[in-house]
Amino acid sequence: MTAADTNGTDWTAPWQEVVDAVGRDFLDGKTTWGGDPVEPGAIRRYLEPLELDCALHTDVAAARAAGHDDVIMPATGVIAWTIPAAWQPGEVLFDSEERNAQPVHSAINNTDLGVGPKTTGFFGTDIELDFDREVTAGEHLGRRGKRLVACKPKETGVGRGAFMTWESEIVSRPAGVADAEPEVVGRIRIGTYAYVPHPKKEAAR
C-alpha cells in the first residue's frame, strides 16, 4: 500500500532504509553505564514515595535469608540506574537562556540514526523489561547495544514518521570495578515514535 502525497510521491519511501535495518545493533555492542551504582540509600529514596514495604528491599538480613548478598532494587526502579549522568563537571548542558531551551545532549533524545529521514519530533510509546535475576545494592548497571527490532512508518495526528522498537541488554558489574566482565541481568525494549510534525495550521479567525 502506498502512502502518496498530494504531489503523488510516497512519503514513506525514505523509511525503507530503516525498515531494512531491522535487526541491526546501532551501538555495535557498546555499553553505556548508569551515572551512579545502586546503593541502599537510593533504594530507600525510591521506596519512600511509593511506601513499598517489602523486607527484601529494606532489611539486609531478610534479603540474605532469601539468597541475596544485600537488599535488592525493586524491578520497577532498575531502569533509572541504567541512565548515564546528564552532566559532568566542566561541561555545559544548557547553552541557551531561552525559556524552553533543551539540553545539548540527553540519554533520551532522538538521535540521528545515520539512515532514513531526519525527524524533529520524538516521544516514547511503551517499555517492556525482562529480568534474569534481581539487582542488588552494590551493583553498577548499564545498557549494552541498541538493536532495532521493529520499524513501522505511519502518519498520525502529530505528523509523519515511524514507530520503532529498540532492545538493549541490561548489564551489571560490581561498583568500583571498571574492568569487571559485565553480566547480563535483563533486557529492555523501548517503543518510540520519531516524526516530522505537521505544519501548524493558521488559527481560525
C-alpha atoms as a PDB file:
ATOM      1  CA  MET A   1       0.000   0.000   0.000  1.00  0.00           C
ATOM      2  CA  THR A   2       1.411   3.403  -0.981  1.00  0.00           C
ATOM      3  CA  ALA A   3       1.091   6.496   1.191  1.00  0.00           C
ATOM      4  CA  ALA A   4       1.068   9.133  -1.527  1.00  0.00           C
ATOM      5  CA  ASP A   5       1.384  12.881  -1.025  1.00  0.00           C
ATOM      6  CA  THR A   6      -0.804  15.303  -2.931  1.00  0.00           C
ATOM      7  CA  ASN A   7       2.056  15.572  -5.444  1.00  0.00           C
ATOM      8  CA  GLY A   8       1.989  11.804  -5.970  1.00  0.00           C
ATOM      9  CA  THR A   9       5.213  10.928  -4.107  1.00  0.00           C
ATOM     10  CA  ASP A  10       5.363   8.265  -1.403  1.00  0.00           C
ATOM     11  CA  TRP A  11       6.392   9.946   1.862  1.00  0.00           C
ATOM     12  CA  THR A  12       7.175   6.541   3.443  1.00  0.00           C
ATOM     13  CA  ALA A  13       9.832   5.673   0.833  1.00  0.00           C
ATOM     14  CA  PRO A  14      12.755   7.229   2.774  1.00  0.00           C
ATOM     15  CA  TRP A  15      11.848   4.988   5.738  1.00  0.00           C
ATOM     16  CA  GLN A  16      12.537   1.812   3.760  1.00  0.00           C
ATOM     17  CA  GLU A  17      16.230   2.134   4.617  1.00  0.00           C
ATOM     18  CA  VAL A  18      15.306   1.988   8.312  1.00  0.00           C
ATOM     19  CA  VAL A  19      12.906  -0.920   7.791  1.00  0.00           C
ATOM     20  CA  ASP A  20      15.724  -2.782   6.060  1.00  0.00           C
ATOM     21  CA  ALA A  21      17.958  -2.119   9.088  1.00  0.00           C
ATOM     22  CA  VAL A  22      15.720  -4.112  11.467  1.00  0.00           C
ATOM     23  CA  GLY A  23      17.994  -6.496  13.366  1.00  0.00           C
ATOM     24  CA  ARG A  24      20.978  -4.118  13.346  1.00  0.00           C
ATOM     25  CA  ASP A  25      22.675  -3.034  16.575  1.00  0.00           C
ATOM     26  CA  PHE A  26      23.130   0.719  16.148  1.00  0.00           C
ATOM     27  CA  LEU A  27      25.661   0.821  19.005  1.00  0.00           C
ATOM     28  CA  ASP A  28      27.665  -2.227  17.883  1.00  0.00           C
ATOM     29  CA  GLY A  29      27.533  -3.756  21.351  1.00  0.00           C
ATOM     30  CA  LYS A  30      28.782  -0.652  23.163  1.00  0.00           C
ATOM     31  CA  THR A  31      27.828  -0.366  26.854  1.00  0.00           C
ATOM     32  CA  THR A  32      26.633   2.902  28.373  1.00  0.00           C
ATOM     33  CA  TRP A  33      26.889   2.860  32.170  1.00  0.00           C
ATOM     34  CA  GLY A  34      24.467   4.466  34.596  1.00  0.00           C
ATOM     35  CA  GLY A  35      25.528   7.624  36.390  1.00  0.00           C
ATOM     36  CA  ASP A  36      25.638   6.002  39.821  1.00  0.00           C
ATOM     37  CA  PRO A  37      25.772   2.493  41.273  1.00  0.00           C
ATOM     38  CA  VAL A  38      22.788   1.046  43.097  1.00  0.00           C
ATOM     39  CA  GLU A  39      23.151   1.646  46.833  1.00  0.00           C
ATOM     40  CA  PRO A  40      20.838   1.217  49.860  1.00  0.00           C
ATOM     41  CA  GLY A  41      20.166   4.951  50.205  1.00  0.00           C
ATOM     42  CA  ALA A  42      18.983   5.173  46.614  1.00  0.00           C
ATOM     43  CA  ILE A  43      16.715   2.168  47.130  1.00  0.00           C
ATOM     44  CA  ARG A  44      15.292   3.788  50.256  1.00  0.00           C
ATOM     45  CA  ARG A  45      14.558   7.048  48.445  1.00  0.00           C
ATOM     46  CA  TYR A  46      12.858   5.101  45.668  1.00  0.00           C
ATOM     47  CA  LEU A  47      10.662   3.239  48.164  1.00  0.00           C
ATOM     48  CA  GLU A  48       9.588   6.276  50.205  1.00  0.00           C
ATOM     49  CA  PRO A  49       7.049   7.947  47.882  1.00  0.00           C
ATOM     50  CA  LEU A  50       5.628   4.539  46.935  1.00  0.00           C
ATOM     51  CA  GLU A  51       5.506   3.301  50.536  1.00  0.00           C
ATOM     52  CA  LEU A  52       6.643  -0.015  49.074  1.00  0.00           C
ATOM     53  CA  ASP A  53       7.023  -2.127  52.198  1.00  0.00           C
ATOM     54  CA  CYS A  54       8.925  -5.300  51.383  1.00  0.00           C
ATOM     55  CA  ALA A  55      11.732  -6.569  53.600  1.00  0.00           C
ATOM     56  CA  LEU A  56      13.781  -7.703  50.600  1.00  0.00           C
ATOM     57  CA  HIS A  57      14.311  -4.012  49.765  1.00  0.00           C
ATOM     58  CA  THR A  58      14.870  -2.728  53.318  1.00  0.00           C
ATOM     59  CA  ASP A  59      16.247  -5.493  55.560  1.00  0.00           C
ATOM     60  CA  VAL A  60      19.693  -6.921  54.783  1.00  0.00           C
ATOM     61  CA  ALA A  61      19.110  -9.993  56.964  1.00  0.00           C
ATOM     62  CA  ALA A  62      15.823 -10.782  55.219  1.00  0.00           C
ATOM     63  CA  ALA A  63      17.416 -10.292  51.801  1.00  0.00           C
ATOM     64  CA  ARG A  64      20.319 -12.584  52.690  1.00  0.00           C
ATOM     65  CA  ALA A  65      17.952 -15.205  54.058  1.00  0.00           C
ATOM     66  CA  ALA A  66      16.296 -15.169  50.632  1.00  0.00           C
ATOM     67  CA  GLY A  67      19.634 -15.803  48.931  1.00  0.00           C
ATOM     68  CA  HIS A  68      20.743 -12.260  48.052  1.00  0.00           C
ATOM     69  CA  ASP A  69      24.013 -10.571  49.020  1.00  0.00           C
ATOM     70  CA  ASP A  70      22.254  -7.368  50.078  1.00  0.00           C
ATOM     71  CA  VAL A  71      18.926  -5.579  49.733  1.00  0.00           C
ATOM     72  CA  ILE A  72      17.558  -5.656  46.198  1.00  0.00           C
ATOM     73  CA  MET A  73      16.229  -2.916  43.953  1.00  0.00           C
ATOM     74  CA  PRO A  74      12.536  -3.202  43.001  1.00  0.00           C
ATOM     75  CA  ALA A  75      12.321  -4.230  39.346  1.00  0.00           C
ATOM     76  CA  THR A  76      10.306  -1.104  38.539  1.00  0.00           C
ATOM     77  CA  GLY A  77      13.233   1.094  39.604  1.00  0.00           C
ATOM     78  CA  VAL A  78      16.051  -0.641  37.745  1.00  0.00           C
ATOM     79  CA  ILE A  79      15.802   1.355  34.523  1.00  0.00           C
ATOM     80  CA  ALA A  80      16.686   4.636  36.278  1.00  0.00           C
ATOM     81  CA  TRP A  81      20.085   3.224  37.259  1.00  0.00           C
ATOM     82  CA  THR A  82      20.950   2.382  33.653  1.00  0.00           C
ATOM     83  CA  ILE A  83      20.707   6.038  32.554  1.00  0.00           C
ATOM     84  CA  PRO A  84      24.045   7.864  32.298  1.00  0.00           C
ATOM     85  CA  ALA A  85      24.664  11.155  34.076  1.00  0.00           C
ATOM     86  CA  ALA A  86      23.272  14.117  32.146  1.00  0.00           C
ATOM     87  CA  TRP A  87      26.041  16.457  33.299  1.00  0.00           C
ATOM     88  CA  GLN A  88      29.698  16.203  34.315  1.00  0.00           C
ATOM     89  CA  PRO A  89      31.892  18.921  35.918  1.00  0.00           C
ATOM     90  CA  GLY A  90      33.329  21.166  33.241  1.00  0.00           C
ATOM     91  CA  GLU A  91      30.502  20.516  30.778  1.00  0.00           C
ATOM     92  CA  VAL A  92      27.823  22.922  29.561  1.00  0.00           C
ATOM     93  CA  LEU A  93      24.439  21.207  29.473  1.00  0.00           C
ATOM     94  CA  PHE A  94      22.296  24.214  28.532  1.00  0.00           C
ATOM     95  CA  ASP A  95      23.923  26.601  26.039  1.00  0.00           C
ATOM     96  CA  SER A  96      20.876  28.850  25.672  1.00  0.00           C
ATOM     97  CA  GLU A  97      18.971  31.064  28.099  1.00  0.00           C
ATOM     98  CA  GLU A  98      15.687  30.691  26.212  1.00  0.00           C
ATOM     99  CA  ARG A  99      12.646  29.702  28.268  1.00  0.00           C
ATOM    100  CA  ASN A 100      12.215  26.311  26.565  1.00  0.00           C
ATOM    101  CA  ALA A 101      15.897  25.643  25.925  1.00  0.00           C
ATOM    102  CA  GLN A 102      16.794  21.991  25.525  1.00  0.00           C
ATOM    103  CA  PRO A 103      19.951  20.305  26.831  1.00  0.00           C
ATOM    104  CA  VAL A 104      22.873  19.968  24.453  1.00  0.00           C
ATOM    105  CA  HIS A 105      22.718  16.198  24.872  1.00  0.00           C
ATOM    106  CA  SER A 106      20.470  13.736  26.662  1.00  0.00           C
ATOM    107  CA  ALA A 107      20.272   9.964  27.004  1.00  0.00           C
ATOM    108  CA  ILE A 108      16.623  10.101  25.921  1.00  0.00           C
ATOM    109  CA  ASN A 109      16.927  12.462  22.960  1.00  0.00           C
ATOM    110  CA  ASN A 110      16.073  11.387  19.430  1.00  0.00           C
ATOM    111  CA  THR A 111      19.484  10.652  17.917  1.00  0.00           C
ATOM    112  CA  ASP A 112      20.422  10.667  14.248  1.00  0.00           C
ATOM    113  CA  LEU A 113      20.360   7.065  13.037  1.00  0.00           C
ATOM    114  CA  GLY A 114      22.562   7.735  10.053  1.00  0.00           C
ATOM    115  CA  VAL A 115      19.910   6.115   7.845  1.00  0.00           C
ATOM    116  CA  GLY A 116      16.426   7.161   6.811  1.00  0.00           C
ATOM    117  CA  PRO A 117      14.812  10.594   7.002  1.00  0.00           C
ATOM    118  CA  LYS A 118      15.633  13.315   9.501  1.00  0.00           C
ATOM    119  CA  THR A 119      12.985  13.812  12.205  1.00  0.00           C
ATOM    120  CA  THR A 120      12.441  16.597  14.722  1.00  0.00           C
ATOM    121  CA  GLY A 121       9.600  15.188  16.855  1.00  0.00           C
ATOM    122  CA  PHE A 122      10.009  12.259  19.221  1.00  0.00           C
ATOM    123  CA  PHE A 123       8.288  10.533  22.124  1.00  0.00           C
ATOM    124  CA  GLY A 124       8.248   7.172  23.855  1.00  0.00           C
ATOM    125  CA  THR A 125       5.242   4.901  23.411  1.00  0.00           C
ATOM    126  CA  ASP A 126       5.870   1.860  25.613  1.00  0.00           C
ATOM    127  CA  ILE A 127       8.500  -0.022  27.583  1.00  0.00           C
ATOM    128  CA  GLU A 128       8.995  -3.688  28.428  1.00  0.00           C
ATOM    129  CA  LEU A 129      11.511  -5.267  30.813  1.00  0.00           C
ATOM    130  CA  ASP A 130      12.586  -8.881  31.313  1.00  0.00           C
ATOM    131  CA  PHE A 131      14.947  -9.912  34.111  1.00  0.00           C
ATOM    132  CA  ASP A 132      17.213 -12.920  34.549  1.00  0.00           C
ATOM    133  CA  ARG A 133      17.694 -12.070  38.220  1.00  0.00           C
ATOM    134  CA  GLU A 134      17.229  -9.324  40.818  1.00  0.00           C
ATOM    135  CA  VAL A 135      19.575  -6.340  41.057  1.00  0.00           C
ATOM    136  CA  THR A 136      21.370  -5.974  44.385  1.00  0.00           C
ATOM    137  CA  ALA A 137      22.817  -2.949  46.172  1.00  0.00           C
ATOM    138  CA  GLY A 138      26.486  -2.641  45.245  1.00  0.00           C
ATOM    139  CA  GLU A 139      25.997  -3.221  41.514  1.00  0.00           C
ATOM    140  CA  HIS A 140      26.657  -0.738  38.719  1.00  0.00           C
ATOM    141  CA  LEU A 141      24.188  -1.042  35.847  1.00  0.00           C
ATOM    142  CA  GLY A 142      24.358  -0.142  32.195  1.00  0.00           C
ATOM    143  CA  ARG A 143      22.755  -0.813  28.818  1.00  0.00           C
ATOM    144  CA  ARG A 144      24.597  -2.745  26.132  1.00  0.00           C
ATOM    145  CA  GLY A 145      23.715  -2.346  22.468  1.00  0.00           C
ATOM    146  CA  LYS A 146      20.705  -0.786  20.802  1.00  0.00           C
ATOM    147  CA  ARG A 147      19.124  -3.246  18.403  1.00  0.00           C
ATOM    148  CA  LEU A 148      16.275  -2.159  16.146  1.00  0.00           C
ATOM    149  CA  VAL A 149      13.635  -4.888  16.306  1.00  0.00           C
ATOM    150  CA  ALA A 150      10.741  -3.184  14.509  1.00  0.00           C
ATOM    151  CA  CYS A 151      10.038  -0.153  12.312  1.00  0.00           C
ATOM    152  CA  LYS A 152       6.593   0.750  11.003  1.00  0.00           C
ATOM    153  CA  PRO A 153       6.114   4.047   9.123  1.00  0.00           C
ATOM    154  CA  LYS A 154       2.793   5.677   9.973  1.00  0.00           C
ATOM    155  CA  GLU A 155       1.110   9.050   9.721  1.00  0.00           C
ATOM    156  CA  THR A 156      -0.565  10.162  12.947  1.00  0.00           C
ATOM    157  CA  GLY A 157      -2.316  13.259  14.190  1.00  0.00           C
ATOM    158  CA  VAL A 158       1.012  14.843  15.163  1.00  0.00           C
ATOM    159  CA  GLY A 159       2.974  14.153  11.997  1.00  0.00           C
ATOM    160  CA  ARG A 160       4.555  11.623   9.665  1.00  0.00           C
ATOM    161  CA  GLY A 161       7.143   9.222  10.961  1.00  0.00           C
ATOM    162  CA  ALA A 162       7.674   5.693  12.191  1.00  0.00           C
ATOM    163  CA  PHE A 163       7.013   3.620  15.262  1.00  0.00           C
ATOM    164  CA  MET A 164      10.208   1.833  16.233  1.00  0.00           C
ATOM    165  CA  THR A 165      11.110  -0.712  18.902  1.00  0.00           C
ATOM    166  CA  TRP A 166      14.632  -0.871  20.340  1.00  0.00           C
ATOM    167  CA  GLU A 167      16.168  -3.608  22.505  1.00  0.00           C
ATOM    168  CA  SER A 168      19.191  -3.407  24.807  1.00  0.00           C
ATOM    169  CA  GLU A 169      20.714  -5.740  27.372  1.00  0.00           C
ATOM    170  CA  ILE A 170      20.799  -4.591  30.989  1.00  0.00           C
ATOM    171  CA  VAL A 171      24.267  -5.450  32.272  1.00  0.00           C
ATOM    172  CA  SER A 172      25.906  -5.274  35.683  1.00  0.00           C
ATOM    173  CA  ARG A 173      29.348  -5.104  37.229  1.00  0.00           C
ATOM    174  CA  PRO A 174      30.445  -4.599  40.871  1.00  0.00           C
ATOM    175  CA  ALA A 175      30.557  -0.923  41.806  1.00  0.00           C
ATOM    176  CA  GLY A 176      34.059   0.480  41.517  1.00  0.00           C
ATOM    177  CA  VAL A 177      35.386  -2.411  39.403  1.00  0.00           C
ATOM    178  CA  ALA A 178      35.557  -0.854  35.948  1.00  0.00           C
ATOM    179  CA  ASP A 179      37.376  -3.777  34.343  1.00  0.00           C
ATOM    180  CA  ALA A 180      34.922  -6.457  35.535  1.00  0.00           C
ATOM    181  CA  GLU A 181      33.236  -8.538  32.850  1.00  0.00           C
ATOM    182  CA  PRO A 182      29.630  -7.284  32.524  1.00  0.00           C
ATOM    183  CA  GLU A 183      26.909  -9.771  33.417  1.00  0.00           C
ATOM    184  CA  VAL A 184      23.555  -9.698  31.649  1.00  0.00           C
ATOM    185  CA  VAL A 185      20.773  -9.299  34.230  1.00  0.00           C
ATOM    186  CA  GLY A 186      17.896  -8.442  31.904  1.00  0.00           C
ATOM    187  CA  ARG A 187      16.675  -6.853  28.705  1.00  0.00           C
ATOM    188  CA  ILE A 188      14.793  -3.676  27.924  1.00  0.00           C
ATOM    189  CA  ARG A 189      12.603  -2.938  24.904  1.00  0.00           C
ATOM    190  CA  ILE A 190      11.526   0.643  24.300  1.00  0.00           C
ATOM    191  CA  GLY A 191       8.934   1.769  21.777  1.00  0.00           C
ATOM    192  CA  THR A 192       9.319   5.219  20.199  1.00  0.00           C
ATOM    193  CA  TYR A 193       7.685   7.372  17.574  1.00  0.00           C
ATOM    194  CA  ALA A 194      10.043   9.626  15.587  1.00  0.00           C
ATOM    195  CA  TYR A 195       8.334  12.022  13.203  1.00  0.00           C
ATOM    196  CA  VAL A 196       8.230  15.280  11.306  1.00  0.00           C
ATOM    197  CA  PRO A 197       5.422  17.415  12.777  1.00  0.00           C
ATOM    198  CA  HIS A 198       2.557  18.521  10.574  1.00  0.00           C
ATOM    199  CA  PRO A 199       2.785  22.175   9.534  1.00  0.00           C
ATOM    200  CA  LYS A 200       0.950  24.390  12.005  1.00  0.00           C
ATOM    201  CA  LYS A 201      -2.445  25.396  10.713  1.00  0.00           C
ATOM    202  CA  GLU A 202      -3.404  29.037  10.757  1.00  0.00           C
ATOM    203  CA  ALA A 203      -5.571  29.755  13.770  1.00  0.00           C
ATOM    204  CA  ALA A 204      -9.252  30.091  12.965  1.00  0.00           C
ATOM    205  CA  ARG A 205     -10.367  33.688  12.851  1.00  0.00           C
END
